[in-house]
Amino acid sequence: MTNVIALRLPPSSDAKPALPGLVEMFALRRRGRHDPFWLKENAELAQILAACRIDVPEAALQPLLDQLGQVRDELCFFPQYYRLMLSLALDLQALGVAGLPVAWMADFVREKALIGGELSDMHRAEALLLLRRAGVADARDDDLDRRLMAFAEGAPAFCLPNRRAAYDLTHILFHGSDYGRRPLADGHRFAPSLINAGMVAWLEDNSDLLAEVTLALRLAGQPVPALWDRALQDLAPRASFAPLPARQGLEDDYHQYLVVNWATMAAGKPGFAGTIAPGARSVRLPGRDPAALTELSLALLDMGPARAADWGRMRWRLWPKLSAPTRARIEALEPLPGFEAFFAGFSRAAETRPAPLQEGCRR
């Protein structure tokens, strides 16, 4: 997370280098300025550029800055989006943009007690982090921190597919380390949870989640399996950008593209390579194949009470039930430390079939 990459301004050609081109695409072409997803996408882009310590010339950020002239009025009118607005302003400030009303925004959030409207622990933790970054030193909640840390240390829960929980786990590490701006104490406590979540992501071929897991491991000061790094680094340059009709929906791979490139840079490799064609609106990466996760899950389900938690005993029984691509994907995981503990949880061998319903309870 210490890479500093200086970007030259785009040359005078139709295609633009990825980073200036990305800023322009996200700021001007993907969504309307007052679409909440415009805020979400641009805040994520600025957050990742700042986390990568990328030195972006202000001229390259200008398309985005031109959209933020009324940010005070918009925060007053749309206070429900305060986290996105404050995050965007803070990360632009971290990228070297001066004159943003960060202190005023933080004061507004406090005066209106906007954090009190959050029911999600994750959202409350993010909001408190943003206030601390804005200079509010007492924006802390020790009870909240303890709940989040206990959740993040619950490694067995992350043996099972649960995307929401896995993404919450990675973001607890992102917030706890302020996206790499400060050391994370006792990061080893969270490694088993992250490894389990990464194994599920690998079986599901979910590169978006896998990238977040590798980032969280690095922020926790823990080693990252070379297998996962290689897969993400191979994927990063395979993105394609294309124009779309203005009214066509944008269900694409923009977030996966951002975090895969962030993870690539965090591993010390170049990211955000290539160029973006004129008029591009969408981002695509090669499609994923979750077959390994599905096949392994269904094979274990079919075994019922014959399931065992010991991978050495179960491997030979499972292998004939799985396709060659699924076996190859599992074989790649087998040498990793923690695989047998992961399988023990994933197998759900301790679960028994429920007792049959009594005759009178049937419908």
Protein backbone atom coordinates (compact mmCIF):
# COMPACT_ATOMS: atom_id res chain seq x y z
CA MET A 1 0.00 0.00 0.00
CA THR A 2 2.98 2.31 -0.28
CA ASN A 3 3.10 2.57 -4.08
CA VAL A 4 3.04 6.13 -5.42
CA ILE A 5 2.29 6.30 -9.12
CA ALA A 6 2.48 9.61 -10.97
CA LEU A 7 0.07 9.89 -13.87
CA ARG A 8 0.83 12.00 -16.90
CA LEU A 9 -2.06 13.86 -18.44
CA PRO A 10 -3.66 11.96 -21.30
CA PRO A 11 -2.05 12.39 -24.69
CA SER A 12 -3.97 14.05 -27.49
CA SER A 13 -5.56 10.92 -28.95
CA ASP A 14 -9.04 9.44 -28.99
CA ALA A 15 -8.36 6.79 -26.37
CA LYS A 16 -7.41 7.94 -22.87
CA PRO A 17 -5.16 6.26 -20.30
CA ALA A 18 -7.25 4.32 -17.85
CA LEU A 19 -7.11 6.58 -14.82
CA PRO A 20 -7.93 9.96 -16.36
CA GLY A 21 -10.35 8.14 -18.63
CA LEU A 22 -12.01 6.42 -15.66
CA VAL A 23 -12.56 9.71 -13.85
CA GLU A 24 -14.19 11.20 -16.92
CA MET A 25 -16.33 8.11 -17.55
CA PHE A 26 -17.58 7.85 -13.96
CA ALA A 27 -18.14 11.59 -13.58
CA LEU A 28 -19.83 12.32 -16.89
CA ARG A 29 -21.10 9.30 -18.78
CA ARG A 30 -22.28 6.45 -16.58
CA ARG A 31 -25.07 8.05 -14.55
CA GLY A 32 -26.87 11.32 -13.99
CA ARG A 33 -25.38 13.62 -11.37
CA HIS A 34 -28.32 13.24 -8.99
CA ASP A 35 -28.62 9.48 -9.28
CA PRO A 36 -27.56 8.07 -5.87
CA PHE A 37 -25.48 5.49 -7.74
CA TRP A 38 -23.46 8.35 -9.26
CA LEU A 39 -22.39 9.24 -5.74
CA LYS A 40 -21.69 5.61 -4.84
CA GLU A 41 -19.55 4.89 -7.89
CA ASN A 42 -17.55 8.12 -7.78
CA ALA A 43 -17.00 7.79 -4.04
CA GLU A 44 -15.67 4.24 -4.56
CA LEU A 45 -13.39 5.36 -7.37
CA ALA A 46 -11.94 8.25 -5.31
CA GLN A 47 -11.61 5.97 -2.27
CA ILE A 48 -9.55 3.41 -4.18
CA LEU A 49 -7.35 6.00 -5.90
CA ALA A 50 -6.62 7.52 -2.49
CA ALA A 51 -6.01 4.10 -0.88
CA CYS A 52 -3.51 3.27 -3.65
CA ARG A 53 -1.64 6.52 -2.90
CA ILE A 54 -1.91 7.44 -6.56
CA ASP A 55 -0.68 10.92 -7.44
CA VAL A 56 -3.45 12.08 -9.77
CA PRO A 57 -3.01 15.56 -11.32
CA GLU A 58 -5.89 17.85 -10.46
CA ALA A 59 -6.50 18.38 -14.17
CA ALA A 60 -7.30 14.66 -14.45
CA LEU A 61 -9.84 15.02 -11.60
CA GLN A 62 -11.46 18.12 -13.08
CA PRO A 63 -14.44 16.34 -14.69
CA LEU A 64 -15.40 15.11 -11.21
CA LEU A 65 -14.65 18.40 -9.45
CA ASP A 66 -16.87 20.25 -11.91
CA GLN A 67 -19.82 18.20 -10.63
CA LEU A 68 -19.32 19.13 -6.98
CA GLY A 69 -19.91 22.89 -6.97
CA GLN A 70 -23.16 22.64 -4.97
CA VAL A 71 -22.09 20.00 -2.47
CA ARG A 72 -23.17 22.07 0.56
CA ASP A 73 -26.68 22.60 -0.76
CA GLU A 74 -26.91 18.97 -1.81
CA LEU A 75 -25.86 17.68 1.60
CA CYS A 76 -28.56 19.85 3.22
CA PHE A 77 -31.17 18.61 0.73
CA PHE A 78 -30.05 14.95 0.61
CA PRO A 79 -28.74 14.26 4.14
CA GLN A 80 -29.51 10.56 3.70
CA TYR A 81 -26.43 10.36 1.43
CA TYR A 82 -24.07 11.99 3.90
CA ARG A 83 -21.66 9.04 4.07
CA LEU A 84 -21.12 9.00 0.32
CA MET A 85 -20.74 12.77 0.10
CA LEU A 86 -18.32 13.03 3.01
CA SER A 87 -16.31 10.02 1.80
CA LEU A 88 -15.98 11.54 -1.68
CA ALA A 89 -14.86 14.90 -0.30
CA LEU A 90 -12.33 13.33 2.09
CA ASP A 91 -10.75 11.15 -0.57
CA LEU A 92 -10.53 14.00 -3.06
CA GLN A 93 -8.83 15.99 -0.32
CA ALA A 94 -6.43 13.06 0.23
CA LEU A 95 -5.69 13.17 -3.51
CA GLY A 96 -4.58 16.78 -3.11
CA VAL A 97 -7.71 18.75 -3.97
CA ALA A 98 -7.94 21.91 -1.86
CA GLY A 99 -10.97 23.98 -0.93
CA LEU A 100 -13.51 21.24 -0.27
CA PRO A 101 -15.84 22.01 2.70
CA VAL A 102 -14.86 18.90 4.67
CA ALA A 103 -14.94 20.54 8.12
CA TRP A 104 -18.32 22.12 7.41
CA MET A 105 -19.71 18.77 6.22
CA ALA A 106 -18.49 17.01 9.38
CA ASP A 107 -20.05 19.71 11.55
CA PHE A 108 -23.33 19.31 9.67
CA VAL A 109 -23.32 15.54 10.21
CA ARG A 110 -22.77 16.04 13.95
CA GLU A 111 -25.29 18.85 14.39
CA LYS A 112 -28.01 16.87 12.62
CA ALA A 113 -27.07 13.67 14.51
CA LEU A 114 -27.17 11.77 11.22
CA ILE A 115 -25.29 8.77 12.60
CA GLY A 116 -28.20 8.21 14.97
CA GLY A 117 -30.31 7.27 11.96
CA GLU A 118 -28.10 4.29 11.11
CA LEU A 119 -29.33 0.85 12.20
CA SER A 120 -26.39 -0.98 10.59
CA ASP A 121 -23.26 -1.39 12.72
CA MET A 122 -21.21 -1.30 9.53
CA HIS A 123 -22.69 2.02 8.45
CA ARG A 124 -22.21 3.50 11.91
CA ALA A 125 -18.56 2.38 11.93
CA GLU A 126 -17.97 3.87 8.49
CA ALA A 127 -19.59 7.16 9.51
CA LEU A 128 -17.45 7.40 12.65
CA LEU A 129 -14.31 6.71 10.61
CA LEU A 130 -15.24 9.49 8.18
CA LEU A 131 -15.76 11.94 11.03
CA ARG A 132 -12.39 11.03 12.54
CA ARG A 133 -10.74 11.56 9.16
CA ALA A 134 -12.44 14.96 9.06
CA GLY A 135 -10.83 15.86 12.39
CA VAL A 136 -13.52 14.89 14.92
CA ALA A 137 -11.30 13.12 17.44
CA ASP A 138 -14.08 11.90 19.75
CA ALA A 139 -16.08 10.15 16.99
CA ARG A 140 -15.76 6.74 18.62
CA ASP A 141 -17.95 3.96 19.98
CA ASP A 142 -16.07 1.31 21.94
CA ASP A 143 -19.07 -1.01 22.24
CA LEU A 144 -19.55 -0.92 18.48
CA ASP A 145 -15.87 -1.72 17.93
CA ARG A 146 -16.10 -4.72 20.26
CA ARG A 147 -19.14 -6.09 18.41
CA LEU A 148 -17.43 -5.75 15.05
CA MET A 149 -14.19 -7.34 16.27
CA ALA A 150 -16.09 -10.29 17.75
CA PHE A 151 -17.89 -10.77 14.44
CA ALA A 152 -14.61 -10.61 12.49
CA GLU A 153 -12.97 -13.23 14.72
CA GLY A 154 -15.78 -15.77 14.22
CA ALA A 155 -13.90 -17.84 11.65
CA PRO A 156 -16.33 -20.81 11.44
CA ALA A 157 -19.13 -18.56 10.19
CA PHE A 158 -17.08 -17.66 7.11
CA CYS A 159 -16.72 -21.28 5.98
CA LEU A 160 -20.23 -21.00 4.52
CA PRO A 161 -21.31 -18.97 1.49
CA ASN A 162 -22.72 -15.70 2.81
CA ARG A 163 -21.67 -12.77 0.65
CA ARG A 164 -23.10 -10.09 2.88
CA ALA A 165 -21.21 -11.38 5.92
CA ALA A 166 -17.98 -11.80 3.90
CA TYR A 167 -18.12 -8.25 2.55
CA ASP A 168 -18.85 -6.95 6.05
CA LEU A 169 -15.77 -8.81 7.24
CA THR A 170 -13.48 -7.22 4.67
CA HIS A 171 -14.89 -3.76 5.36
CA ILE A 172 -14.32 -4.14 9.09
CA LEU A 173 -10.62 -4.53 8.22
CA PHE A 174 -10.75 -1.64 5.74
CA HIS A 175 -12.31 0.64 8.36
CA GLY A 176 -10.12 -0.62 11.19
CA SER A 177 -6.96 0.24 9.25
CA ASP A 178 -8.45 3.39 7.66
CA TYR A 179 -7.77 1.83 4.26
CA GLY A 180 -4.10 1.31 5.08
CA ARG A 181 -3.46 4.70 6.67
CA ARG A 182 -2.71 3.23 10.09
CA PRO A 183 -1.46 -0.13 11.37
CA LEU A 184 -4.07 -2.65 12.41
CA ALA A 185 -3.23 -4.12 15.80
CA ASP A 186 -3.45 -7.90 16.24
CA GLY A 187 -4.33 -8.49 12.58
CA HIS A 188 -3.53 -12.20 12.97
CA ARG A 189 -6.79 -12.58 14.92
CA PHE A 190 -8.76 -12.10 11.71
CA ALA A 191 -6.66 -14.21 9.34
CA PRO A 192 -8.65 -17.47 9.76
CA SER A 193 -11.92 -15.67 8.99
CA LEU A 194 -10.43 -14.02 5.91
CA ILE A 195 -8.88 -17.26 4.64
CA ASN A 196 -12.23 -19.03 4.99
CA ALA A 197 -14.03 -16.23 3.14
CA GLY A 198 -11.37 -16.32 0.44
CA MET A 199 -11.78 -20.06 -0.05
CA VAL A 200 -15.50 -19.65 -0.56
CA ALA A 201 -14.80 -16.81 -3.03
CA TRP A 202 -12.31 -19.04 -4.89
CA LEU A 203 -14.79 -21.90 -5.18
CA GLU A 204 -17.45 -19.44 -6.37
CA ASP A 205 -15.00 -17.81 -8.80
CA ASN A 206 -15.96 -14.48 -7.21
CA SER A 207 -12.97 -12.25 -8.01
CA ASP A 208 -14.65 -9.18 -6.53
CA LEU A 209 -14.80 -10.77 -3.07
CA LEU A 210 -11.44 -12.52 -3.49
CA ALA A 211 -9.78 -9.16 -4.22
CA GLU A 212 -11.30 -7.66 -1.08
CA VAL A 213 -10.08 -10.64 0.97
CA THR A 214 -6.49 -10.26 -0.29
CA LEU A 215 -6.62 -6.54 0.50
CA ALA A 216 -7.94 -7.17 3.99
CA LEU A 217 -5.23 -9.76 4.63
CA ARG A 218 -2.54 -7.27 3.63
CA LEU A 219 -4.08 -4.52 5.75
CA ALA A 220 -4.04 -6.99 8.66
CA GLY A 221 -0.33 -7.66 8.03
CA GLN A 222 -1.01 -11.27 7.03
CA PRO A 223 0.39 -13.29 4.10
CA VAL A 224 -1.72 -13.66 0.97
CA PRO A 225 -1.79 -16.97 -0.93
CA ALA A 226 0.21 -16.59 -4.15
CA LEU A 227 -2.57 -18.51 -5.93
CA TRP A 228 -5.02 -15.69 -5.27
CA ASP A 229 -2.58 -12.92 -6.17
CA ARG A 230 -1.77 -14.56 -9.51
CA ALA A 231 -5.43 -15.01 -10.40
CA LEU A 232 -6.24 -11.36 -9.71
CA GLN A 233 -3.16 -10.08 -11.52
CA ASP A 234 -4.06 -12.18 -14.57
CA LEU A 235 -7.61 -10.81 -14.52
CA ALA A 236 -6.84 -7.10 -14.04
CA PRO A 237 -5.73 -6.31 -17.63
CA ARG A 238 -8.61 -8.24 -19.21
CA ALA A 239 -11.23 -5.54 -18.67
CA SER A 240 -13.05 -4.11 -21.66
CA PHE A 241 -14.86 -0.79 -21.93
CA ALA A 242 -17.76 -0.15 -24.26
CA PRO A 243 -20.31 2.53 -25.10
CA LEU A 244 -23.95 1.88 -24.29
CA PRO A 245 -27.15 3.70 -25.25
CA ALA A 246 -27.88 6.44 -22.71
CA ARG A 247 -31.03 4.74 -21.42
CA GLN A 248 -29.58 1.25 -21.14
CA GLY A 249 -29.04 -0.02 -17.60
CA LEU A 250 -25.56 -0.33 -16.14
CA GLU A 251 -25.39 -3.75 -14.52
CA ASP A 252 -21.71 -4.30 -15.17
CA ASP A 253 -18.41 -5.18 -13.50
CA TYR A 254 -17.24 -1.72 -12.46
CA HIS A 255 -16.75 -2.62 -8.77
CA GLN A 256 -14.93 -5.83 -9.57
CA TYR A 257 -12.67 -3.89 -11.94
CA LEU A 258 -11.84 -1.31 -9.26
CA VAL A 259 -11.06 -3.74 -6.43
CA VAL A 260 -9.15 -6.19 -8.64
CA ASN A 261 -6.86 -3.35 -9.77
CA TRP A 262 -6.55 -2.08 -6.20
CA ALA A 263 -5.56 -5.58 -5.05
CA THR A 264 -3.06 -5.83 -7.91
CA MET A 265 -1.42 -2.56 -6.89
CA ALA A 266 -1.40 -3.55 -3.22
CA ALA A 267 0.58 -6.64 -4.26
CA GLY A 268 3.20 -4.34 -5.83
CA LYS A 269 2.15 -4.79 -9.47
CA PRO A 270 0.99 -2.10 -11.93
CA GLY A 271 -2.75 -1.50 -11.99
CA PHE A 272 -5.26 0.45 -14.03
CA ALA A 273 -3.36 -0.29 -17.23
CA GLY A 274 -4.61 0.14 -20.77
CA THR A 275 -6.83 2.77 -22.33
CA ILE A 276 -10.52 3.64 -22.40
CA ALA A 277 -12.22 4.17 -25.73
CA PRO A 278 -14.12 7.39 -26.42
CA GLY A 279 -17.70 7.31 -25.20
CA ALA A 280 -17.23 4.19 -23.05
CA ARG A 281 -19.83 3.75 -20.32
CA SER A 282 -19.60 0.12 -19.22
CA VAL A 283 -16.86 -2.08 -17.76
CA ARG A 284 -16.74 -5.81 -18.38
CA LEU A 285 -14.51 -8.59 -17.10
CA PRO A 286 -14.62 -12.24 -18.18
CA GLY A 287 -17.62 -14.04 -16.72
CA ARG A 288 -17.30 -16.16 -13.62
CA ASP A 289 -18.26 -19.79 -13.11
CA PRO A 290 -19.59 -20.71 -9.64
CA ALA A 291 -19.87 -24.40 -10.55
CA ALA A 292 -17.26 -25.62 -8.07
CA LEU A 293 -19.08 -24.15 -5.10
CA THR A 294 -22.42 -25.50 -6.29
CA GLU A 295 -21.14 -28.97 -7.12
CA LEU A 296 -19.28 -29.42 -3.86
CA SER A 297 -22.22 -28.15 -1.82
CA LEU A 298 -24.76 -30.41 -3.51
CA ALA A 299 -22.49 -33.45 -3.30
CA LEU A 300 -22.18 -32.92 0.46
CA LEU A 301 -25.89 -32.29 0.85
CA ASP A 302 -26.69 -35.55 -0.92
CA MET A 303 -24.52 -37.46 1.54
CA GLY A 304 -26.74 -36.48 4.43
CA PRO A 305 -25.58 -37.90 7.79
CA ALA A 306 -22.74 -39.75 6.04
CA ARG A 307 -20.85 -36.45 5.75
CA ALA A 308 -17.60 -36.23 7.70
CA ALA A 309 -15.52 -33.20 8.62
CA ASP A 310 -12.20 -34.93 7.79
CA TRP A 311 -11.09 -33.96 4.28
CA GLY A 312 -8.72 -36.95 4.10
CA ARG A 313 -11.68 -39.31 4.55
CA MET A 314 -14.08 -37.39 2.35
CA ARG A 315 -11.88 -36.62 -0.64
CA TRP A 316 -12.01 -40.05 -2.22
CA ARG A 317 -15.80 -40.23 -1.72
CA LEU A 318 -16.42 -36.79 -3.22
CA TRP A 319 -14.06 -36.99 -6.18
CA PRO A 320 -16.21 -39.22 -8.44
CA LYS A 321 -19.20 -36.89 -7.91
CA LEU A 322 -17.36 -33.78 -9.13
CA SER A 323 -16.50 -32.56 -12.62
CA ALA A 324 -12.89 -32.18 -13.74
CA PRO A 325 -12.97 -28.33 -13.57
CA THR A 326 -14.35 -28.48 -10.03
CA ARG A 327 -11.72 -30.99 -8.95
CA ALA A 328 -9.00 -28.73 -10.41
CA ARG A 329 -10.32 -25.74 -8.53
CA ILE A 330 -10.35 -27.68 -5.23
CA GLU A 331 -6.88 -29.11 -5.91
CA ALA A 332 -5.54 -25.57 -6.17
CA LEU A 333 -6.82 -24.88 -2.63
CA GLU A 334 -5.66 -28.10 -0.99
CA PRO A 335 -2.04 -27.00 -0.33
CA LEU A 336 -3.12 -23.77 1.37
CA PRO A 337 -2.79 -23.56 5.16
CA GLY A 338 -6.25 -23.67 6.65
CA PHE A 339 -7.92 -25.72 3.91
CA GLU A 340 -8.73 -28.71 6.12
CA ALA A 341 -10.18 -26.47 8.82
CA PHE A 342 -12.20 -24.69 6.14
CA PHE A 343 -13.54 -27.98 4.79
CA ALA A 344 -14.52 -29.13 8.26
CA GLY A 345 -16.77 -26.10 8.59
CA PHE A 346 -17.97 -26.18 4.99
CA SER A 347 -18.96 -29.85 5.27
CA ARG A 348 -21.54 -29.15 8.00
CA ALA A 349 -20.85 -32.70 9.15
CA ALA A 350 -22.24 -32.03 12.61
CA GLU A 351 -25.64 -31.13 11.16
CA THR A 352 -28.21 -33.90 11.30
CA ARG A 353 -31.39 -34.29 9.37
CA PRO A 354 -34.40 -32.82 11.14
CA ALA A 355 -36.87 -35.24 12.66
CA PRO A 356 -39.84 -35.98 10.37
CA LEU A 357 -43.01 -34.05 10.99
CA GLN A 358 -45.65 -35.76 13.10
CA GLU A 359 -48.65 -37.00 11.16
CA GLY A 360 -50.88 -34.32 12.65
CA CYS A 361 -48.50 -31.55 11.58
CA ARG A 362 -48.53 -32.43 7.89
CA ARG A 363 -50.53 -30.34 5.46
